[in-house]
Amino acid sequence: MAAFSHHEARKIIIDGSGNHFDPEIVRVFIDCEDEFDVIRAKLADEVPVVTPMK
């Protein structure tokens, strides 16, 4: 099974707010989203991509 895209994961988290996820944690997640993008871009430059074994 392939990993969810960022967009798909974000939608799952937001849709689950108040049901599967604490609404305050979801709010903080959304508030920090720009920081996640910076970290993701930095790691993409530093960490080689590993292809999963089949």
Foldseek 3Di string as FASTA:
>chain_A
DDDDDPVVVLVVLVVCDPPPDDVVVNVVCVVCVVVVVVVVVVCPVPPDDDDDDD
